[in-house]
Amino acid sequence: MFPTIAEQHAAMRRKELEEAAMTPYDTYRLYQIERQKSITEVRYADEQAGRIAAATAGALRRLTHAARRQHPRRPRATARAPVPPCSSDRMPETVEAR
């Protein structure tokens, strides 16, 4: 019998995994993830993440501020006057019998 599509896909995936090799950089990253870090290293990483977040937020703030300046502000919604009923919504006039 012929293999199903799922079996063919699984075989292709197994072959890809067998051919994949870890690069030296990947092993270094695994080492960095698994090792214990000192308090100073953790603080430095937190500060660095904070600086990146602040820079990103500042850039987005400048972009959105510039976009807001380009578009005129929409008027705020005010209390609307009641809409008069449509003529088709009215009760039909009674016709007197002749």
PDB file of N, CA and C in Angstrom:
ATOM      1  N   MET A   1       0.829  -1.177   0.000  1.00  0.00           N
ATOM      2  CA  MET A   1       0.000   0.000   0.000  1.00  0.00           C
ATOM      3  C   MET A   1       0.877   1.245   0.000  1.00  0.00           C
ATOM      4  N   PHE A   2       0.292   2.337  -0.480  1.00  0.00           N
ATOM      5  CA  PHE A   2       0.999   3.607  -0.515  1.00  0.00           C
ATOM      6  C   PHE A   2       0.866   4.315   0.846  1.00  0.00           C
ATOM      7  N   PRO A   3       1.925   5.043   1.252  1.00  0.00           N
ATOM      8  CA  PRO A   3       1.826   5.763   2.537  1.00  0.00           C
ATOM      9  C   PRO A   3       0.850   6.936   2.422  1.00  0.00           C
ATOM     10  N   THR A   4       0.204   7.243   3.525  1.00  0.00           N
ATOM     11  CA  THR A   4      -0.736   8.361   3.534  1.00  0.00           C
ATOM     12  C   THR A   4       0.047   9.666   3.538  1.00  0.00           C
ATOM     13  N   ILE A   5      -0.665  10.738   3.327  1.00  0.00           N
ATOM     14  CA  ILE A   5      -0.026  12.058   3.317  1.00  0.00           C
ATOM     15  C   ILE A   5       0.573  12.356   4.684  1.00  0.00           C
ATOM     16  N   ALA A   6      -0.138  11.992   5.746  1.00  0.00           N
ATOM     17  CA  ALA A   6       0.367  12.231   7.099  1.00  0.00           C
ATOM     18  C   ALA A   6       1.656  11.455   7.342  1.00  0.00           C
ATOM     19  N   GLU A   7       1.711  10.227   6.864  1.00  0.00           N
ATOM     20  CA  GLU A   7       2.927   9.420   7.028  1.00  0.00           C
ATOM     21  C   GLU A   7       4.079  10.010   6.223  1.00  0.00           C
ATOM     22  N   GLN A   8       3.790  10.491   5.027  1.00  0.00           N
ATOM     23  CA  GLN A   8       4.832  11.121   4.220  1.00  0.00           C
ATOM     24  C   GLN A   8       5.349  12.387   4.902  1.00  0.00           C
ATOM     25  N   HIS A   9       4.440  13.171   5.449  1.00  0.00           N
ATOM     26  CA  HIS A   9       4.833  14.398   6.146  1.00  0.00           C
ATOM     27  C   HIS A   9       5.693  14.072   7.361  1.00  0.00           C
ATOM     28  N   ALA A  10       5.309  13.048   8.125  1.00  0.00           N
ATOM     29  CA  ALA A  10       6.079  12.656   9.303  1.00  0.00           C
ATOM     30  C   ALA A  10       7.472  12.181   8.900  1.00  0.00           C
ATOM     31  N   ALA A  11       7.565  11.446   7.804  1.00  0.00           N
ATOM     32  CA  ALA A  11       8.867  10.970   7.341  1.00  0.00           C
ATOM     33  C   ALA A  11       9.747  12.145   6.912  1.00  0.00           C
ATOM     34  N   MET A  12       9.169  13.111   6.229  1.00  0.00           N
ATOM     35  CA  MET A  12       9.933  14.290   5.816  1.00  0.00           C
ATOM     36  C   MET A  12      10.408  15.069   7.032  1.00  0.00           C
ATOM     37  N   ARG A  13       9.555  15.197   8.045  1.00  0.00           N
ATOM     38  CA  ARG A  13       9.930  15.930   9.260  1.00  0.00           C
ATOM     39  C   ARG A  13      11.061  15.222   9.995  1.00  0.00           C
ATOM     40  N   ARG A  14      10.987  13.886  10.086  1.00  0.00           N
ATOM     41  CA  ARG A  14      12.066  13.111  10.726  1.00  0.00           C
ATOM     42  C   ARG A  14      13.384  13.324   9.995  1.00  0.00           C
ATOM     43  N   LYS A  15      13.328  13.323   8.661  1.00  0.00           N
ATOM     44  CA  LYS A  15      14.538  13.512   7.868  1.00  0.00           C
ATOM     45  C   LYS A  15      15.129  14.903   8.114  1.00  0.00           C
ATOM     46  N   GLU A  16      14.256  15.927   8.183  1.00  0.00           N
ATOM     47  CA  GLU A  16      14.736  17.286   8.458  1.00  0.00           C
ATOM     48  C   GLU A  16      15.403  17.367   9.819  1.00  0.00           C
ATOM     49  N   LEU A  17      14.808  16.728  10.822  1.00  0.00           N
ATOM     50  CA  LEU A  17      15.384  16.764  12.160  1.00  0.00           C
ATOM     51  C   LEU A  17      16.724  16.040  12.220  1.00  0.00           C
ATOM     52  N   GLU A  18      16.846  14.949  11.482  1.00  0.00           N
ATOM     53  CA  GLU A  18      18.112  14.212  11.466  1.00  0.00           C
ATOM     54  C   GLU A  18      19.213  15.024  10.791  1.00  0.00           C
ATOM     55  N   GLU A  19      18.839  15.782   9.759  1.00  0.00           N
ATOM     56  CA  GLU A  19      19.837  16.551   9.016  1.00  0.00           C
ATOM     57  C   GLU A  19      20.215  17.846   9.734  1.00  0.00           C
ATOM     58  N   ALA A  20      19.343  18.327  10.580  1.00  0.00           N
ATOM     59  CA  ALA A  20      19.621  19.582  11.279  1.00  0.00           C
ATOM     60  C   ALA A  20      20.759  19.371  12.273  1.00  0.00           C
ATOM     61  N   ALA A  21      21.667  20.314  12.312  1.00  0.00           N
ATOM     62  CA  ALA A  21      22.784  20.232  13.242  1.00  0.00           C
ATOM     63  C   ALA A  21      22.819  21.504  14.061  1.00  0.00           C
ATOM     64  N   MET A  22      23.221  21.377  15.302  1.00  0.00           N
ATOM     65  CA  MET A  22      23.332  22.565  16.145  1.00  0.00           C
ATOM     66  C   MET A  22      24.600  23.315  15.780  1.00  0.00           C
ATOM     67  N   THR A  23      24.461  24.598  15.645  1.00  0.00           N
ATOM     68  CA  THR A  23      25.630  25.417  15.369  1.00  0.00           C
ATOM     69  C   THR A  23      26.314  25.737  16.696  1.00  0.00           C
ATOM     70  N   PRO A  24      27.579  26.143  16.677  1.00  0.00           N
ATOM     71  CA  PRO A  24      28.259  26.487  17.924  1.00  0.00           C
ATOM     72  C   PRO A  24      27.552  27.600  18.692  1.00  0.00           C
ATOM     73  N   TYR A  25      26.927  28.528  17.977  1.00  0.00           N
ATOM     74  CA  TYR A  25      26.231  29.616  18.646  1.00  0.00           C
ATOM     75  C   TYR A  25      25.056  29.089  19.467  1.00  0.00           C
ATOM     76  N   ASP A  26      24.346  28.067  18.923  1.00  0.00           N
ATOM     77  CA  ASP A  26      23.218  27.487  19.647  1.00  0.00           C
ATOM     78  C   ASP A  26      23.667  26.845  20.951  1.00  0.00           C
ATOM     79  N   THR A  27      24.802  26.160  20.933  1.00  0.00           N
ATOM     80  CA  THR A  27      25.278  25.531  22.166  1.00  0.00           C
ATOM     81  C   THR A  27      25.654  26.592  23.193  1.00  0.00           C
ATOM     82  N   TYR A  28      26.218  27.715  22.756  1.00  0.00           N
ATOM     83  CA  TYR A  28      26.558  28.795  23.681  1.00  0.00           C
ATOM     84  C   TYR A  28      25.290  29.402  24.276  1.00  0.00           C
ATOM     85  N   ARG A  29      24.260  29.564  23.461  1.00  0.00           N
ATOM     86  CA  ARG A  29      22.997  30.082  23.966  1.00  0.00           C
ATOM     87  C   ARG A  29      22.397  29.149  25.004  1.00  0.00           C
ATOM     88  N   LEU A  30      22.463  27.835  24.753  1.00  0.00           N
ATOM     89  CA  LEU A  30      21.966  26.882  25.738  1.00  0.00           C
ATOM     90  C   LEU A  30      22.751  26.984  27.040  1.00  0.00           C
ATOM     91  N   TYR A  31      24.058  27.145  26.939  1.00  0.00           N
ATOM     92  CA  TYR A  31      24.892  27.303  28.123  1.00  0.00           C
ATOM     93  C   TYR A  31      24.484  28.544  28.903  1.00  0.00           C
ATOM     94  N   GLN A  32      24.268  29.651  28.211  1.00  0.00           N
ATOM     95  CA  GLN A  32      23.889  30.895  28.873  1.00  0.00           C
ATOM     96  C   GLN A  32      22.523  30.780  29.554  1.00  0.00           C
ATOM     97  N   ILE A  33      21.612  30.054  28.941  1.00  0.00           N
ATOM     98  CA  ILE A  33      20.281  29.900  29.513  1.00  0.00           C
ATOM     99  C   ILE A  33      20.325  29.053  30.780  1.00  0.00           C
ATOM    100  N   GLU A  34      21.131  27.993  30.763  1.00  0.00           N
ATOM    101  CA  GLU A  34      21.128  27.037  31.860  1.00  0.00           C
ATOM    102  C   GLU A  34      21.971  27.466  33.052  1.00  0.00           C
ATOM    103  N   ARG A  35      22.967  28.299  32.860  1.00  0.00           N
ATOM    104  CA  ARG A  35      23.857  28.621  33.976  1.00  0.00           C
ATOM    105  C   ARG A  35      23.215  29.613  34.934  1.00  0.00           C
ATOM    106  N   GLN A  36      23.660  29.583  36.179  1.00  0.00           N
ATOM    107  CA  GLN A  36      23.176  30.527  37.186  1.00  0.00           C
ATOM    108  C   GLN A  36      23.804  31.891  36.931  1.00  0.00           C
ATOM    109  N   LYS A  37      23.003  32.922  37.048  1.00  0.00           N
ATOM    110  CA  LYS A  37      23.518  34.271  36.806  1.00  0.00           C
ATOM    111  C   LYS A  37      23.635  35.012  38.135  1.00  0.00           C
ATOM    112  N   SER A  38      24.627  35.885  38.201  1.00  0.00           N
ATOM    113  CA  SER A  38      24.816  36.662  39.419  1.00  0.00           C
ATOM    114  C   SER A  38      23.768  37.765  39.496  1.00  0.00           C
ATOM    115  N   ILE A  39      23.624  38.355  40.674  1.00  0.00           N
ATOM    116  CA  ILE A  39      22.649  39.428  40.864  1.00  0.00           C
ATOM    117  C   ILE A  39      22.986  40.604  39.958  1.00  0.00           C
ATOM    118  N   THR A  40      24.272  40.892  39.796  1.00  0.00           N
ATOM    119  CA  THR A  40      24.691  42.002  38.934  1.00  0.00           C
ATOM    120  C   THR A  40      24.288  41.751  37.487  1.00  0.00           C
ATOM    121  N   GLU A  41      24.472  40.523  37.021  1.00  0.00           N
ATOM    122  CA  GLU A  41      24.096  40.191  35.641  1.00  0.00           C
ATOM    123  C   GLU A  41      22.592  40.313  35.442  1.00  0.00           C
ATOM    124  N   VAL A  42      21.825  39.871  36.437  1.00  0.00           N
ATOM    125  CA  VAL A  42      20.368  39.957  36.330  1.00  0.00           C
ATOM    126  C   VAL A  42      19.939  41.420  36.299  1.00  0.00           C
ATOM    127  N   ARG A  43      20.522  42.254  37.168  1.00  0.00           N
ATOM    128  CA  ARG A  43      20.189  43.685  37.177  1.00  0.00           C
ATOM    129  C   ARG A  43      20.529  44.339  35.846  1.00  0.00           C
ATOM    130  N   TYR A  44      21.712  44.020  35.313  1.00  0.00           N
ATOM    131  CA  TYR A  44      22.132  44.595  34.036  1.00  0.00           C
ATOM    132  C   TYR A  44      21.156  44.194  32.923  1.00  0.00           C
ATOM    133  N   ALA A  45      20.754  42.917  32.917  1.00  0.00           N
ATOM    134  CA  ALA A  45      19.810  42.459  31.898  1.00  0.00           C
ATOM    135  C   ALA A  45      18.467  43.181  32.040  1.00  0.00           C
ATOM    136  N   ASP A  46      18.032  43.395  33.296  1.00  0.00           N
ATOM    137  CA  ASP A  46      16.772  44.120  33.515  1.00  0.00           C
ATOM    138  C   ASP A  46      16.882  45.570  33.065  1.00  0.00           C
ATOM    139  N   GLU A  47      18.011  46.204  33.368  1.00  0.00           N
ATOM    140  CA  GLU A  47      18.207  47.593  32.937  1.00  0.00           C
ATOM    141  C   GLU A  47      18.216  47.701  31.420  1.00  0.00           C
ATOM    142  N   GLN A  48      18.893  46.760  30.793  1.00  0.00           N
ATOM    143  CA  GLN A  48      18.976  46.761  29.330  1.00  0.00           C
ATOM    144  C   GLN A  48      17.581  46.568  28.721  1.00  0.00           C
ATOM    145  N   ALA A  49      16.792  45.644  29.280  1.00  0.00           N
ATOM    146  CA  ALA A  49      15.432  45.416  28.786  1.00  0.00           C
ATOM    147  C   ALA A  49      14.581  46.667  28.993  1.00  0.00           C
ATOM    148  N   GLY A  50      14.792  47.344  30.125  1.00  0.00           N
ATOM    149  CA  GLY A  50      14.055  48.583  30.388  1.00  0.00           C
ATOM    150  C   GLY A  50      14.407  49.677  29.405  1.00  0.00           C
ATOM    151  N   ARG A  51      15.699  49.792  29.071  1.00  0.00           N
ATOM    152  CA  ARG A  51      16.116  50.807  28.087  1.00  0.00           C
ATOM    153  C   ARG A  51      15.513  50.522  26.715  1.00  0.00           C
ATOM    154  N   ILE A  52      15.498  49.264  26.338  1.00  0.00           N
ATOM    155  CA  ILE A  52      14.919  48.890  25.037  1.00  0.00           C
ATOM    156  C   ILE A  52      13.428  49.201  25.024  1.00  0.00           C
ATOM    157  N   ALA A  53      12.727  48.875  26.124  1.00  0.00           N
ATOM    158  CA  ALA A  53      11.290  49.150  26.200  1.00  0.00           C
ATOM    159  C   ALA A  53      11.026  50.652  26.163  1.00  0.00           C
ATOM    160  N   ALA A  54      11.851  51.436  26.869  1.00  0.00           N
ATOM    161  CA  ALA A  54      11.664  52.892  26.881  1.00  0.00           C
ATOM    162  C   ALA A  54      11.908  53.486  25.493  1.00  0.00           C
ATOM    163  N   ALA A  55      12.933  52.996  24.810  1.00  0.00           N
ATOM    164  CA  ALA A  55      13.225  53.505  23.469  1.00  0.00           C
ATOM    165  C   ALA A  55      12.097  53.157  22.497  1.00  0.00           C
ATOM    166  N   THR A  56      11.586  51.943  22.601  1.00  0.00           N
ATOM    167  CA  THR A  56      10.490  51.531  21.729  1.00  0.00           C
ATOM    168  C   THR A  56       9.243  52.348  22.015  1.00  0.00           C
ATOM    169  N   ALA A  57       8.925  52.537  23.297  1.00  0.00           N
ATOM    170  CA  ALA A  57       7.740  53.316  23.663  1.00  0.00           C
ATOM    171  C   ALA A  57       7.890  54.759  23.195  1.00  0.00           C
ATOM    172  N   GLY A  58       9.099  55.332  23.341  1.00  0.00           N
ATOM    173  CA  GLY A  58       9.311  56.702  22.891  1.00  0.00           C
ATOM    174  C   GLY A  58       9.132  56.844  21.383  1.00  0.00           C
ATOM    175  N   ALA A  59       9.660  55.869  20.642  1.00  0.00           N
ATOM    176  CA  ALA A  59       9.513  55.921  19.189  1.00  0.00           C
ATOM    177  C   ALA A  59       8.046  55.802  18.789  1.00  0.00           C
ATOM    178  N   LEU A  60       7.319  54.887  19.420  1.00  0.00           N
ATOM    179  CA  LEU A  60       5.898  54.736  19.103  1.00  0.00           C
ATOM    180  C   LEU A  60       5.111  55.980  19.497  1.00  0.00           C
ATOM    181  N   ARG A  61       5.484  56.599  20.627  1.00  0.00           N
ATOM    182  CA  ARG A  61       4.797  57.811  21.064  1.00  0.00           C
ATOM    183  C   ARG A  61       5.002  58.925  20.042  1.00  0.00           C
ATOM    184  N   ARG A  62       6.242  59.064  19.530  1.00  0.00           N
ATOM    185  CA  ARG A  62       6.496  60.105  18.526  1.00  0.00           C
ATOM    186  C   ARG A  62       5.718  59.832  17.245  1.00  0.00           C
ATOM    187  N   LEU A  63       5.659  58.560  16.829  1.00  0.00           N
ATOM    188  CA  LEU A  63       4.914  58.223  15.613  1.00  0.00           C
ATOM    189  C   LEU A  63       3.431  58.515  15.771  1.00  0.00           C
ATOM    190  N   THR A  64       2.848  58.100  16.895  1.00  0.00           N
ATOM    191  CA  THR A  64       1.414  58.319  17.074  1.00  0.00           C
ATOM    192  C   THR A  64       1.108  59.793  17.277  1.00  0.00           C
ATOM    193  N   HIS A  65       2.010  60.514  17.916  1.00  0.00           N
ATOM    194  CA  HIS A  65       1.792  61.947  18.107  1.00  0.00           C
ATOM    195  C   HIS A  65       1.801  62.663  16.752  1.00  0.00           C
ATOM    196  N   ALA A  66       2.738  62.281  15.881  1.00  0.00           N
ATOM    197  CA  ALA A  66       2.792  62.887  14.552  1.00  0.00           C
ATOM    198  C   ALA A  66       1.544  62.541  13.748  1.00  0.00           C
ATOM    199  N   ALA A  67       1.055  61.317  13.889  1.00  0.00           N
ATOM    200  CA  ALA A  67      -0.150  60.912  13.159  1.00  0.00           C
ATOM    201  C   ALA A  67      -1.362  61.669  13.668  1.00  0.00           C
ATOM    202  N   ARG A  68      -1.418  61.918  14.978  1.00  0.00           N
ATOM    203  CA  ARG A  68      -2.545  62.665  15.530  1.00  0.00           C
ATOM    204  C   ARG A  68      -2.529  64.111  15.064  1.00  0.00           C
ATOM    205  N   ARG A  69      -1.339  64.691  14.884  1.00  0.00           N
ATOM    206  CA  ARG A  69      -1.261  66.079  14.432  1.00  0.00           C
ATOM    207  C   ARG A  69      -1.707  66.218  12.987  1.00  0.00           C
ATOM    208  N   GLN A  70      -1.509  65.187  12.178  1.00  0.00           N
ATOM    209  CA  GLN A  70      -1.852  65.281  10.766  1.00  0.00           C
ATOM    210  C   GLN A  70      -3.356  65.205  10.528  1.00  0.00           C
ATOM    211  N   HIS A  71      -4.072  64.468  11.357  1.00  0.00           N
ATOM    212  CA  HIS A  71      -5.505  64.296  11.159  1.00  0.00           C
ATOM    213  C   HIS A  71      -6.269  65.231  12.076  1.00  0.00           C
ATOM    214  N   PRO A  72      -7.243  65.967  11.510  1.00  0.00           N
ATOM    215  CA  PRO A  72      -8.034  66.850  12.371  1.00  0.00           C
ATOM    216  C   PRO A  72      -8.863  66.023  13.345  1.00  0.00           C
ATOM    217  N   ARG A  73      -9.068  66.581  14.491  1.00  0.00           N
ATOM    218  CA  ARG A  73      -9.805  65.871  15.512  1.00  0.00           C
ATOM    219  C   ARG A  73     -11.288  65.862  15.162  1.00  0.00           C
ATOM    220  N   ARG A  74     -11.892  64.746  15.353  1.00  0.00           N
ATOM    221  CA  ARG A  74     -13.317  64.637  15.098  1.00  0.00           C
ATOM    222  C   ARG A  74     -14.078  65.358  16.206  1.00  0.00           C
ATOM    223  N   PRO A  75     -15.180  65.993  15.846  1.00  0.00           N
ATOM    224  CA  PRO A  75     -15.972  66.634  16.905  1.00  0.00           C
ATOM    225  C   PRO A  75     -16.562  65.559  17.817  1.00  0.00           C
ATOM    226  N   ARG A  76     -16.658  65.915  19.081  1.00  0.00           N
ATOM    227  CA  ARG A  76     -17.214  64.954  20.030  1.00  0.00           C
ATOM    228  C   ARG A  76     -18.704  64.789  19.774  1.00  0.00           C
ATOM    229  N   ALA A  77     -19.176  63.627  20.108  1.00  0.00           N
ATOM    230  CA  ALA A  77     -20.597  63.361  19.934  1.00  0.00           C
ATOM    231  C   ALA A  77     -21.377  64.176  20.951  1.00  0.00           C
ATOM    232  N   THR A  78     -22.370  64.867  20.489  1.00  0.00           N
ATOM    233  CA  THR A  78     -23.207  65.667  21.376  1.00  0.00           C
ATOM    234  C   THR A  78     -24.569  64.999  21.487  1.00  0.00           C
ATOM    235  N   ALA A  79     -25.342  65.498  22.414  1.00  0.00           N
ATOM    236  CA  ALA A  79     -26.686  64.944  22.566  1.00  0.00           C
ATOM    237  C   ALA A  79     -27.464  65.229  21.290  1.00  0.00           C
ATOM    238  N   ARG A  80     -28.027  64.218  20.739  1.00  0.00           N
ATOM    239  CA  ARG A  80     -28.747  64.375  19.479  1.00  0.00           C
ATOM    240  C   ARG A  80     -30.215  64.706  19.740  1.00  0.00           C
ATOM    241  N   ALA A  81     -30.764  65.471  18.822  1.00  0.00           N
ATOM    242  CA  ALA A  81     -32.201  65.783  18.897  1.00  0.00           C
ATOM    243  C   ALA A  81     -32.958  64.513  18.539  1.00  0.00           C
ATOM    244  N   PRO A  82     -34.109  64.317  19.134  1.00  0.00           N
ATOM    245  CA  PRO A  82     -34.866  63.106  18.795  1.00  0.00           C
ATOM    246  C   PRO A  82     -35.249  63.110  17.315  1.00  0.00           C
ATOM    247  N   VAL A  83     -35.156  61.974  16.722  1.00  0.00           N
ATOM    248  CA  VAL A  83     -35.467  61.839  15.301  1.00  0.00           C
ATOM    249  C   VAL A  83     -36.977  61.729  15.159  1.00  0.00           C
ATOM    250  N   PRO A  84     -37.577  62.570  14.303  1.00  0.00           N
ATOM    251  CA  PRO A  84     -39.032  62.465  14.130  1.00  0.00           C
ATOM    252  C   PRO A  84     -39.380  61.135  13.480  1.00  0.00           C
ATOM    253  N   PRO A  85     -40.506  60.569  13.838  1.00  0.00           N
ATOM    254  CA  PRO A  85     -40.869  59.273  13.257  1.00  0.00           C
ATOM    255  C   PRO A  85     -41.123  59.393  11.762  1.00  0.00           C
ATOM    256  N   CYS A  86     -40.800  58.359  11.081  1.00  0.00           N
ATOM    257  CA  CYS A  86     -41.007  58.298   9.641  1.00  0.00           C
ATOM    258  C   CYS A  86     -42.505  58.202   9.368  1.00  0.00           C
ATOM    259  N   SER A  87     -42.927  58.662   8.208  1.00  0.00           N
ATOM    260  CA  SER A  87     -44.362  58.633   7.891  1.00  0.00           C
ATOM    261  C   SER A  87     -44.874  57.204   7.830  1.00  0.00           C
ATOM    262  N   SER A  88     -44.033  56.259   7.506  1.00  0.00           N
ATOM    263  CA  SER A  88     -44.489  54.870   7.430  1.00  0.00           C
ATOM    264  C   SER A  88     -44.651  54.270   8.822  1.00  0.00           C
ATOM    265  N   ASP A  89     -44.087  54.937   9.861  1.00  0.00           N
ATOM    266  CA  ASP A  89     -44.208  54.433  11.218  1.00  0.00           C
ATOM    267  C   ASP A  89     -45.532  54.843  11.861  1.00  0.00           C
ATOM    268  N   ARG A  90     -46.245  55.772  11.246  1.00  0.00           N
ATOM    269  CA  ARG A  90     -47.486  56.266  11.832  1.00  0.00           C
ATOM    270  C   ARG A  90     -48.605  55.249  11.630  1.00  0.00           C
ATOM    271  N   MET A  91     -49.537  55.334  12.541  1.00  0.00           N
ATOM    272  CA  MET A  91     -50.707  54.461  12.427  1.00  0.00           C
ATOM    273  C   MET A  91     -51.525  54.899  11.210  1.00  0.00           C
ATOM    274  N   PRO A  92     -52.008  53.968  10.454  1.00  0.00           N
ATOM    275  CA  PRO A  92     -52.822  54.371   9.293  1.00  0.00           C
ATOM    276  C   PRO A  92     -54.120  55.035   9.767  1.00  0.00           C
ATOM    277  N   GLU A  93     -54.500  56.030   9.017  1.00  0.00           N
ATOM    278  CA  GLU A  93     -55.733  56.739   9.351  1.00  0.00           C
ATOM    279  C   GLU A  93     -56.919  55.825   9.068  1.00  0.00           C
ATOM    280  N   THR A  94     -57.888  55.905   9.937  1.00  0.00           N
ATOM    281  CA  THR A  94     -59.071  55.060   9.743  1.00  0.00           C
ATOM    282  C   THR A  94     -59.942  55.650   8.631  1.00  0.00           C
ATOM    283  N   VAL A  95     -60.437  54.791   7.870  1.00  0.00           N
ATOM    284  CA  VAL A  95     -61.335  55.208   6.793  1.00  0.00           C
ATOM    285  C   VAL A  95     -62.750  54.961   7.235  1.00  0.00           C
ATOM    286  N   GLU A  96     -63.543  56.010   7.223  1.00  0.00           N
ATOM    287  CA  GLU A  96     -64.929  55.865   7.663  1.00  0.00           C
ATOM    288  C   GLU A  96     -65.733  55.150   6.589  1.00  0.00           C
ATOM    289  N   ALA A  97     -66.600  54.293   7.035  1.00  0.00           N
ATOM    290  CA  ALA A  97     -67.445  53.567   6.090  1.00  0.00           C
ATOM    291  C   ALA A  97     -68.470  54.521   5.497  1.00  0.00           C
ATOM    292  N   ARG A  98     -68.772  54.378   4.258  1.00  0.00           N
ATOM    293  CA  ARG A  98     -69.699  55.283   3.595  1.00  0.00           C
ATOM    294  C   ARG A  98     -71.061  54.762   3.606  1.00  0.00           C
TER     295      ARG A  98
END
